[in-house]
Full PDB file with SEQRES, HELIX, SHEET, SSBOND, CRYST1, ORIGX, SCALE, CONECT and MASTER records, all heavy atoms in Angstrom:
SEQRES   1 A   36  LYS THR PRO LEU LEU TYR VAL ILE ARG ASN ASP LEU GLY          
SEQRES   2 A   36  VAL LEU GLY PRO LYS PHE GLY CYS GLY LEU ALA GLN CYS          
SEQRES   3 A   36  GLY ALA CYS THR VAL HIS MET ASP GLY VAL                      
HELIX    1 AA1 LEU A    4  TYR A    6  1                                   3    
HELIX    2 AA2 VAL A    7  ASP A   11  3                                   5    
CRYST1    1.000    1.000    1.000  90.00  90.00  90.00 P 1           1          
ORIGX1      1.000000  0.000000  0.000000        0.00000                         
ORIGX2      0.000000  1.000000  0.000000        0.00000                         
ORIGX3      0.000000  0.000000  1.000000        0.00000                         
SCALE1      1.000000  0.000000  0.000000        0.00000                         
SCALE2      0.000000  1.000000  0.000000        0.00000                         
SCALE3      0.000000  0.000000  1.000000        0.00000                         
ATOM      1  N   LYS A   1       0.807  -1.213   0.000  1.00  0.00           N  
ATOM      2  CA  LYS A   1       0.000   0.000   0.000  1.00  0.00           C  
ATOM      3  C   LYS A   1       0.849   1.276   0.000  1.00  0.00           C  
ATOM      4  O   LYS A   1       0.308   2.377  -0.108  1.00  0.00           O  
ATOM      5  CB  LYS A   1      -0.933   0.018   1.213  1.00  0.00           C  
ATOM      6  CG  LYS A   1      -1.984  -1.078   1.166  1.00  0.00           C  
ATOM      7  CD  LYS A   1      -2.845  -1.044   2.409  1.00  0.00           C  
ATOM      8  CE  LYS A   1      -3.817  -2.211   2.402  1.00  0.00           C  
ATOM      9  NZ  LYS A   1      -4.556  -2.297   3.655  1.00  0.00           N  
ATOM     10  N   THR A   2       2.155   1.135   0.139  1.00  0.00           N  
ATOM     11  CA  THR A   2       3.034   2.306   0.147  1.00  0.00           C  
ATOM     12  C   THR A   2       2.860   3.073  -1.156  1.00  0.00           C  
ATOM     13  O   THR A   2       2.823   2.466  -2.232  1.00  0.00           O  
ATOM     14  CB  THR A   2       4.509   1.872   0.289  1.00  0.00           C  
ATOM     15  OG1 THR A   2       4.648   1.149   1.504  1.00  0.00           O  
ATOM     16  CG2 THR A   2       5.444   3.061   0.276  1.00  0.00           C  
ATOM     17  N   PRO A   3       2.740   4.391  -1.103  1.00  0.00           N  
ATOM     18  CA  PRO A   3       2.626   5.153  -2.344  1.00  0.00           C  
ATOM     19  C   PRO A   3       3.855   4.959  -3.244  1.00  0.00           C  
ATOM     20  O   PRO A   3       5.000   4.942  -2.754  1.00  0.00           O  
ATOM     21  CB  PRO A   3       2.529   6.604  -1.873  1.00  0.00           C  
ATOM     22  CG  PRO A   3       1.952   6.496  -0.487  1.00  0.00           C  
ATOM     23  CD  PRO A   3       2.566   5.250   0.075  1.00  0.00           C  
ATOM     24  N   LEU A   4       3.613   4.797  -4.508  1.00  0.00           N  
ATOM     25  CA  LEU A   4       4.684   4.628  -5.481  1.00  0.00           C  
ATOM     26  C   LEU A   4       5.710   5.756  -5.364  1.00  0.00           C  
ATOM     27  O   LEU A   4       6.920   5.522  -5.473  1.00  0.00           O  
ATOM     28  CB  LEU A   4       4.090   4.580  -6.896  1.00  0.00           C  
ATOM     29  CG  LEU A   4       5.074   4.479  -8.052  1.00  0.00           C  
ATOM     30  CD1 LEU A   4       5.919   3.210  -7.952  1.00  0.00           C  
ATOM     31  CD2 LEU A   4       4.309   4.522  -9.377  1.00  0.00           C  
ATOM     32  N   LEU A   5       5.257   6.976  -5.135  1.00  0.00           N  
ATOM     33  CA  LEU A   5       6.162   8.116  -4.995  1.00  0.00           C  
ATOM     34  C   LEU A   5       7.211   7.865  -3.918  1.00  0.00           C  
ATOM     35  O   LEU A   5       8.391   8.156  -4.110  1.00  0.00           O  
ATOM     36  CB  LEU A   5       5.382   9.389  -4.672  1.00  0.00           C  
ATOM     37  CG  LEU A   5       6.232  10.631  -4.393  1.00  0.00           C  
ATOM     38  CD1 LEU A   5       6.999  11.059  -5.643  1.00  0.00           C  
ATOM     39  CD2 LEU A   5       5.357  11.760  -3.879  1.00  0.00           C  
ATOM     40  N   TYR A   6       6.799   7.332  -2.785  1.00  0.00           N  
ATOM     41  CA  TYR A   6       7.732   7.092  -1.679  1.00  0.00           C  
ATOM     42  C   TYR A   6       8.802   6.080  -2.082  1.00  0.00           C  
ATOM     43  O   TYR A   6       9.967   6.227  -1.735  1.00  0.00           O  
ATOM     44  CB  TYR A   6       6.997   6.592  -0.442  1.00  0.00           C  
ATOM     45  CG  TYR A   6       6.025   7.555   0.180  1.00  0.00           C  
ATOM     46  CD1 TYR A   6       5.782   8.822  -0.348  1.00  0.00           C  
ATOM     47  CD2 TYR A   6       5.318   7.191   1.309  1.00  0.00           C  
ATOM     48  CE1 TYR A   6       4.881   9.691   0.235  1.00  0.00           C  
ATOM     49  CE2 TYR A   6       4.409   8.056   1.910  1.00  0.00           C  
ATOM     50  CZ  TYR A   6       4.205   9.306   1.357  1.00  0.00           C  
ATOM     51  OH  TYR A   6       3.306  10.160   1.942  1.00  0.00           O  
ATOM     52  N   VAL A   7       8.389   5.049  -2.798  1.00  0.00           N  
ATOM     53  CA  VAL A   7       9.342   4.028  -3.237  1.00  0.00           C  
ATOM     54  C   VAL A   7      10.310   4.622  -4.256  1.00  0.00           C  
ATOM     55  O   VAL A   7      11.526   4.411  -4.167  1.00  0.00           O  
ATOM     56  CB  VAL A   7       8.601   2.802  -3.811  1.00  0.00           C  
ATOM     57  CG1 VAL A   7       9.567   1.823  -4.470  1.00  0.00           C  
ATOM     58  CG2 VAL A   7       7.799   2.119  -2.704  1.00  0.00           C  
ATOM     59  N   ILE A   8       9.778   5.384  -5.214  1.00  0.00           N  
ATOM     60  CA  ILE A   8      10.635   5.990  -6.234  1.00  0.00           C  
ATOM     61  C   ILE A   8      11.680   6.895  -5.585  1.00  0.00           C  
ATOM     62  O   ILE A   8      12.873   6.802  -5.892  1.00  0.00           O  
ATOM     63  CB  ILE A   8       9.787   6.783  -7.252  1.00  0.00           C  
ATOM     64  CG1 ILE A   8       8.965   5.831  -8.122  1.00  0.00           C  
ATOM     65  CG2 ILE A   8      10.669   7.682  -8.120  1.00  0.00           C  
ATOM     66  CD1 ILE A   8       7.931   6.519  -8.986  1.00  0.00           C  
ATOM     67  N   ARG A   9      11.244   7.750  -4.694  1.00  0.00           N  
ATOM     68  CA  ARG A   9      12.164   8.719  -4.076  1.00  0.00           C  
ATOM     69  C   ARG A   9      13.028   8.101  -2.969  1.00  0.00           C  
ATOM     70  O   ARG A   9      14.247   8.239  -2.987  1.00  0.00           O  
ATOM     71  CB  ARG A   9      11.381   9.901  -3.502  1.00  0.00           C  
ATOM     72  CG  ARG A   9      10.783  10.803  -4.588  1.00  0.00           C  
ATOM     73  CD  ARG A   9      10.094  12.011  -3.992  1.00  0.00           C  
ATOM     74  NE  ARG A   9      10.976  12.813  -3.172  1.00  0.00           N  
ATOM     75  CZ  ARG A   9      11.821  13.756  -3.622  1.00  0.00           C  
ATOM     76  NH1 ARG A   9      11.903  13.994  -4.921  1.00  0.00           N  
ATOM     77  NH2 ARG A   9      12.558  14.450  -2.777  1.00  0.00           N  
ATOM     78  N   ASN A  10      12.396   7.431  -2.023  1.00  0.00           N  
ATOM     79  CA  ASN A  10      13.109   6.983  -0.825  1.00  0.00           C  
ATOM     80  C   ASN A  10      13.892   5.693  -1.029  1.00  0.00           C  
ATOM     81  O   ASN A  10      14.996   5.567  -0.507  1.00  0.00           O  
ATOM     82  CB  ASN A  10      12.145   6.818   0.346  1.00  0.00           C  
ATOM     83  CG  ASN A  10      11.423   8.101   0.675  1.00  0.00           C  
ATOM     84  OD1 ASN A  10      11.864   9.195   0.357  1.00  0.00           O  
ATOM     85  ND2 ASN A  10      10.268   7.968   1.309  1.00  0.00           N  
ATOM     86  N   ASP A  11      13.332   4.748  -1.749  1.00  0.00           N  
ATOM     87  CA  ASP A  11      14.005   3.466  -1.931  1.00  0.00           C  
ATOM     88  C   ASP A  11      14.919   3.452  -3.157  1.00  0.00           C  
ATOM     89  O   ASP A  11      15.965   2.817  -3.134  1.00  0.00           O  
ATOM     90  CB  ASP A  11      12.989   2.324  -2.044  1.00  0.00           C  
ATOM     91  CG  ASP A  11      12.162   2.139  -0.787  1.00  0.00           C  
ATOM     92  OD1 ASP A  11      12.642   2.517   0.301  1.00  0.00           O  
ATOM     93  OD2 ASP A  11      11.031   1.635  -0.883  1.00  0.00           O  
ATOM     94  N   LEU A  12      14.503   4.125  -4.218  1.00  0.00           N  
ATOM     95  CA  LEU A  12      15.280   4.085  -5.458  1.00  0.00           C  
ATOM     96  C   LEU A  12      16.128   5.334  -5.674  1.00  0.00           C  
ATOM     97  O   LEU A  12      16.972   5.360  -6.569  1.00  0.00           O  
ATOM     98  CB  LEU A  12      14.346   3.861  -6.657  1.00  0.00           C  
ATOM     99  CG  LEU A  12      13.492   2.591  -6.576  1.00  0.00           C  
ATOM    100  CD1 LEU A  12      12.585   2.479  -7.793  1.00  0.00           C  
ATOM    101  CD2 LEU A  12      14.362   1.347  -6.414  1.00  0.00           C  
ATOM    102  N   GLY A  13      15.888   6.390  -4.910  1.00  0.00           N  
ATOM    103  CA  GLY A  13      16.699   7.600  -5.012  1.00  0.00           C  
ATOM    104  C   GLY A  13      16.475   8.416  -6.269  1.00  0.00           C  
ATOM    105  O   GLY A  13      17.321   9.207  -6.667  1.00  0.00           O  
ATOM    106  N   VAL A  14      15.313   8.251  -6.881  1.00  0.00           N  
ATOM    107  CA  VAL A  14      14.951   9.025  -8.076  1.00  0.00           C  
ATOM    108  C   VAL A  14      14.144  10.226  -7.591  1.00  0.00           C  
ATOM    109  O   VAL A  14      13.025  10.079  -7.110  1.00  0.00           O  
ATOM    110  CB  VAL A  14      14.149   8.160  -9.073  1.00  0.00           C  
ATOM    111  CG1 VAL A  14      13.752   8.975 -10.291  1.00  0.00           C  
ATOM    112  CG2 VAL A  14      14.967   6.927  -9.487  1.00  0.00           C  
ATOM    113  N   LEU A  15      14.710  11.419  -7.725  1.00  0.00           N  
ATOM    114  CA  LEU A  15      14.162  12.583  -7.030  1.00  0.00           C  
ATOM    115  C   LEU A  15      13.365  13.557  -7.894  1.00  0.00           C  
ATOM    116  O   LEU A  15      12.903  14.577  -7.392  1.00  0.00           O  
ATOM    117  CB  LEU A  15      15.304  13.323  -6.325  1.00  0.00           C  
ATOM    118  CG  LEU A  15      16.105  12.467  -5.335  1.00  0.00           C  
ATOM    119  CD1 LEU A  15      17.238  13.277  -4.728  1.00  0.00           C  
ATOM    120  CD2 LEU A  15      15.213  11.877  -4.268  1.00  0.00           C  
ATOM    121  N   GLY A  16      13.176  13.270  -9.168  1.00  0.00           N  
ATOM    122  CA  GLY A  16      12.415  14.174 -10.034  1.00  0.00           C  
ATOM    123  C   GLY A  16      10.975  14.358  -9.601  1.00  0.00           C  
ATOM    124  O   GLY A  16      10.510  15.486  -9.447  1.00  0.00           O  
ATOM    125  N   PRO A  17      10.218  13.282  -9.390  1.00  0.00           N  
ATOM    126  CA  PRO A  17       8.854  13.449  -8.898  1.00  0.00           C  
ATOM    127  C   PRO A  17       8.896  13.976  -7.472  1.00  0.00           C  
ATOM    128  O   PRO A  17       9.696  13.516  -6.660  1.00  0.00           O  
ATOM    129  CB  PRO A  17       8.260  12.039  -8.941  1.00  0.00           C  
ATOM    130  CG  PRO A  17       9.257  11.172  -9.610  1.00  0.00           C  
ATOM    131  CD  PRO A  17      10.555  11.888  -9.634  1.00  0.00           C  
ATOM    132  N   LYS A  18       8.039  14.926  -7.173  1.00  0.00           N  
ATOM    133  CA  LYS A  18       8.055  15.580  -5.861  1.00  0.00           C  
ATOM    134  C   LYS A  18       6.771  15.297  -5.090  1.00  0.00           C  
ATOM    135  O   LYS A  18       5.716  15.071  -5.675  1.00  0.00           O  
ATOM    136  CB  LYS A  18       8.182  17.100  -6.014  1.00  0.00           C  
ATOM    137  CG  LYS A  18       9.384  17.574  -6.810  1.00  0.00           C  
ATOM    138  CD  LYS A  18      10.663  17.380  -6.055  1.00  0.00           C  
ATOM    139  CE  LYS A  18      11.840  18.068  -6.688  1.00  0.00           C  
ATOM    140  NZ  LYS A  18      12.381  17.430  -7.846  1.00  0.00           N  
ATOM    141  N   PHE A  19       6.869  15.385  -3.766  1.00  0.00           N  
ATOM    142  CA  PHE A  19       5.687  15.345  -2.920  1.00  0.00           C  
ATOM    143  C   PHE A  19       5.159  16.772  -2.855  1.00  0.00           C  
ATOM    144  O   PHE A  19       5.868  17.675  -2.429  1.00  0.00           O  
ATOM    145  CB  PHE A  19       6.022  14.851  -1.507  1.00  0.00           C  
ATOM    146  CG  PHE A  19       4.813  14.782  -0.631  1.00  0.00           C  
ATOM    147  CD1 PHE A  19       4.023  13.651  -0.606  1.00  0.00           C  
ATOM    148  CD2 PHE A  19       4.437  15.866   0.152  1.00  0.00           C  
ATOM    149  CE1 PHE A  19       2.886  13.585   0.191  1.00  0.00           C  
ATOM    150  CE2 PHE A  19       3.300  15.808   0.951  1.00  0.00           C  
ATOM    151  CZ  PHE A  19       2.519  14.671   0.963  1.00  0.00           C  
ATOM    152  N   GLY A  20       3.934  16.959  -3.296  1.00  0.00           N  
ATOM    153  CA  GLY A  20       3.316  18.282  -3.238  1.00  0.00           C  
ATOM    154  C   GLY A  20       2.200  18.289  -2.213  1.00  0.00           C  
ATOM    155  O   GLY A  20       2.388  18.666  -1.077  1.00  0.00           O  
ATOM    156  N   CYS A  21       1.051  17.801  -2.624  1.00  0.00           N  
ATOM    157  CA  CYS A  21      -0.122  17.848  -1.745  1.00  0.00           C  
ATOM    158  C   CYS A  21      -0.417  16.504  -1.092  1.00  0.00           C  
ATOM    159  O   CYS A  21      -1.101  16.449  -0.079  1.00  0.00           O  
ATOM    160  CB  CYS A  21      -1.342  18.302  -2.546  1.00  0.00           C  
ATOM    161  SG  CYS A  21      -1.823  17.120  -3.847  1.00  0.00           S  
ATOM    162  N   GLY A  22       0.032  15.412  -1.689  1.00  0.00           N  
ATOM    163  CA  GLY A  22      -0.274  14.090  -1.168  1.00  0.00           C  
ATOM    164  C   GLY A  22      -1.684  13.628  -1.451  1.00  0.00           C  
ATOM    165  O   GLY A  22      -2.098  12.571  -0.986  1.00  0.00           O  
ATOM    166  N   LEU A  23      -2.430  14.418  -2.208  1.00  0.00           N  
ATOM    167  CA  LEU A  23      -3.832  14.119  -2.501  1.00  0.00           C  
ATOM    168  C   LEU A  23      -4.117  13.942  -3.991  1.00  0.00           C  
ATOM    169  O   LEU A  23      -5.272  13.919  -4.402  1.00  0.00           O  
ATOM    170  CB  LEU A  23      -4.724  15.241  -1.959  1.00  0.00           C  
ATOM    171  CG  LEU A  23      -4.620  15.503  -0.464  1.00  0.00           C  
ATOM    172  CD1 LEU A  23      -5.357  16.787  -0.103  1.00  0.00           C  
ATOM    173  CD2 LEU A  23      -5.150  14.328   0.320  1.00  0.00           C  
ATOM    174  N   ALA A  24      -3.059  13.873  -4.805  1.00  0.00           N  
ATOM    175  CA  ALA A  24      -3.182  13.728  -6.261  1.00  0.00           C  
ATOM    176  C   ALA A  24      -3.866  14.932  -6.900  1.00  0.00           C  
ATOM    177  O   ALA A  24      -4.505  14.817  -7.934  1.00  0.00           O  
ATOM    178  CB  ALA A  24      -3.910  12.435  -6.634  1.00  0.00           C  
ATOM    179  N   GLN A  25      -3.735  16.101  -6.277  1.00  0.00           N  
ATOM    180  CA  GLN A  25      -4.390  17.295  -6.801  1.00  0.00           C  
ATOM    181  C   GLN A  25      -3.440  18.305  -7.432  1.00  0.00           C  
ATOM    182  O   GLN A  25      -3.882  19.155  -8.183  1.00  0.00           O  
ATOM    183  CB  GLN A  25      -5.176  17.973  -5.683  1.00  0.00           C  
ATOM    184  CG  GLN A  25      -6.321  17.134  -5.203  1.00  0.00           C  
ATOM    185  CD  GLN A  25      -7.085  17.774  -4.055  1.00  0.00           C  
ATOM    186  OE1 GLN A  25      -6.739  18.832  -3.562  1.00  0.00           O  
ATOM    187  NE2 GLN A  25      -8.143  17.117  -3.631  1.00  0.00           N  
ATOM    188  N   CYS A  26      -2.149  18.245  -7.105  1.00  0.00           N  
ATOM    189  CA  CYS A  26      -1.248  19.287  -7.615  1.00  0.00           C  
ATOM    190  C   CYS A  26      -0.425  18.844  -8.815  1.00  0.00           C  
ATOM    191  O   CYS A  26      -0.042  19.656  -9.646  1.00  0.00           O  
ATOM    192  CB  CYS A  26      -0.325  19.800  -6.511  1.00  0.00           C  
ATOM    193  SG  CYS A  26       0.982  18.654  -6.022  1.00  0.00           S  
ATOM    194  N   GLY A  27      -0.108  17.557  -8.922  1.00  0.00           N  
ATOM    195  CA  GLY A  27       0.618  17.029 -10.065  1.00  0.00           C  
ATOM    196  C   GLY A  27       2.126  16.974  -9.938  1.00  0.00           C  
ATOM    197  O   GLY A  27       2.798  16.468 -10.832  1.00  0.00           O  
ATOM    198  N   ALA A  28       2.694  17.453  -8.845  1.00  0.00           N  
ATOM    199  CA  ALA A  28       4.154  17.459  -8.689  1.00  0.00           C  
ATOM    200  C   ALA A  28       4.734  16.045  -8.706  1.00  0.00           C  
ATOM    201  O   ALA A  28       5.905  15.856  -9.018  1.00  0.00           O  
ATOM    202  CB  ALA A  28       4.546  18.176  -7.404  1.00  0.00           C  
ATOM    203  N   CYS A  29       3.936  15.050  -8.406  1.00  0.00           N  
ATOM    204  CA  CYS A  29       4.379  13.659  -8.312  1.00  0.00           C  
ATOM    205  C   CYS A  29       4.152  12.866  -9.597  1.00  0.00           C  
ATOM    206  O   CYS A  29       4.357  11.646  -9.625  1.00  0.00           O  
ATOM    207  CB  CYS A  29       3.646  12.968  -7.166  1.00  0.00           C  
ATOM    208  SG  CYS A  29       1.867  12.794  -7.485  1.00  0.00           S  
ATOM    209  N   THR A  30       3.751  13.510 -10.675  1.00  0.00           N  
ATOM    210  CA  THR A  30       3.352  12.805 -11.894  1.00  0.00           C  
ATOM    211  C   THR A  30       4.506  12.027 -12.515  1.00  0.00           C  
ATOM    212  O   THR A  30       5.609  12.545 -12.693  1.00  0.00           O  
ATOM    213  CB  THR A  30       2.778  13.790 -12.926  1.00  0.00           C  
ATOM    214  OG1 THR A  30       1.664  14.470 -12.327  1.00  0.00           O  
ATOM    215  CG2 THR A  30       2.315  13.071 -14.186  1.00  0.00           C  
ATOM    216  N   VAL A  31       4.229  10.766 -12.822  1.00  0.00           N  
ATOM    217  CA  VAL A  31       5.135   9.892 -13.558  1.00  0.00           C  
ATOM    218  C   VAL A  31       4.303   9.183 -14.624  1.00  0.00           C  
ATOM    219  O   VAL A  31       3.077   9.276 -14.619  1.00  0.00           O  
ATOM    220  CB  VAL A  31       5.821   8.855 -12.626  1.00  0.00           C  
ATOM    221  CG1 VAL A  31       6.649   9.551 -11.549  1.00  0.00           C  
ATOM    222  CG2 VAL A  31       4.827   7.889 -12.007  1.00  0.00           C  
ATOM    223  N   HIS A  32       4.962   8.480 -15.509  1.00  0.00           N  
ATOM    224  CA  HIS A  32       4.246   7.653 -16.479  1.00  0.00           C  
ATOM    225  C   HIS A  32       4.337   6.200 -16.034  1.00  0.00           C  
ATOM    226  O   HIS A  32       5.425   5.719 -15.710  1.00  0.00           O  
ATOM    227  CB  HIS A  32       4.859   7.770 -17.871  1.00  0.00           C  
ATOM    228  CG  HIS A  32       4.718   9.114 -18.477  1.00  0.00           C  
ATOM    229  ND1 HIS A  32       5.310   9.441 -19.671  1.00  0.00           N  
ATOM    230  CD2 HIS A  32       4.076  10.240 -18.073  1.00  0.00           C  
ATOM    231  CE1 HIS A  32       5.033  10.695 -19.969  1.00  0.00           C  
ATOM    232  NE2 HIS A  32       4.283  11.195 -19.001  1.00  0.00           N  
ATOM    233  N   MET A  33       3.203   5.533 -16.008  1.00  0.00           N  
ATOM    234  CA  MET A  33       3.161   4.100 -15.780  1.00  0.00           C  
ATOM    235  C   MET A  33       2.652   3.470 -17.060  1.00  0.00           C  
ATOM    236  O   MET A  33       1.517   3.737 -17.474  1.00  0.00           O  
ATOM    237  CB  MET A  33       2.259   3.712 -14.597  1.00  0.00           C  
ATOM    238  CG  MET A  33       2.343   2.225 -14.308  1.00  0.00           C  
ATOM    239  SD  MET A  33       1.309   1.529 -12.981  1.00  0.00           S  
ATOM    240  CE  MET A  33       1.195   2.761 -11.773  1.00  0.00           C  
ATOM    241  N   ASP A  34       3.515   2.691 -17.697  1.00  0.00           N  
ATOM    242  CA  ASP A  34       3.188   2.083 -18.984  1.00  0.00           C  
ATOM    243  C   ASP A  34       2.661   3.132 -19.957  1.00  0.00           C  
ATOM    244  O   ASP A  34       1.690   2.904 -20.680  1.00  0.00           O  
ATOM    245  CB  ASP A  34       2.202   0.929 -18.814  1.00  0.00           C  
ATOM    246  CG  ASP A  34       2.812  -0.237 -18.037  1.00  0.00           C  
ATOM    247  OD1 ASP A  34       4.040  -0.432 -18.122  1.00  0.00           O  
ATOM    248  OD2 ASP A  34       2.061  -0.943 -17.338  1.00  0.00           O  
ATOM    249  N   GLY A  35       3.290   4.320 -19.930  1.00  0.00           N  
ATOM    250  CA  GLY A  35       2.971   5.382 -20.871  1.00  0.00           C  
ATOM    251  C   GLY A  35       1.841   6.308 -20.477  1.00  0.00           C  
ATOM    252  O   GLY A  35       1.562   7.272 -21.182  1.00  0.00           O  
ATOM    253  N   VAL A  36       1.191   6.034 -19.372  1.00  0.00           N  
ATOM    254  CA  VAL A  36       0.057   6.848 -18.932  1.00  0.00           C  
ATOM    255  C   VAL A  36       0.494   7.714 -17.751  1.00  0.00           C  
ATOM    256  O   VAL A  36       1.097   7.212 -16.793  1.00  0.00           O  
ATOM    257  CB  VAL A  36      -1.134   5.953 -18.515  1.00  0.00           C  
ATOM    258  CG1 VAL A  36      -2.291   6.782 -17.984  1.00  0.00           C  
ATOM    259  CG2 VAL A  36      -1.583   5.093 -19.686  1.00  0.00           C  
TER     260      VAL A  36                                                      
MASTER        0    0    0    2    0    0    0    6  259    1    0    3          
END                                                                             
């Protein structure tokens, strides 16, 4: 259930996506999953 953002940033050290609102409303955390 861990948010993908946390794994990308904290476990994998990929820092481009950011934590903004935590509610999927601001878009700072946007990544592509299978192109979407």
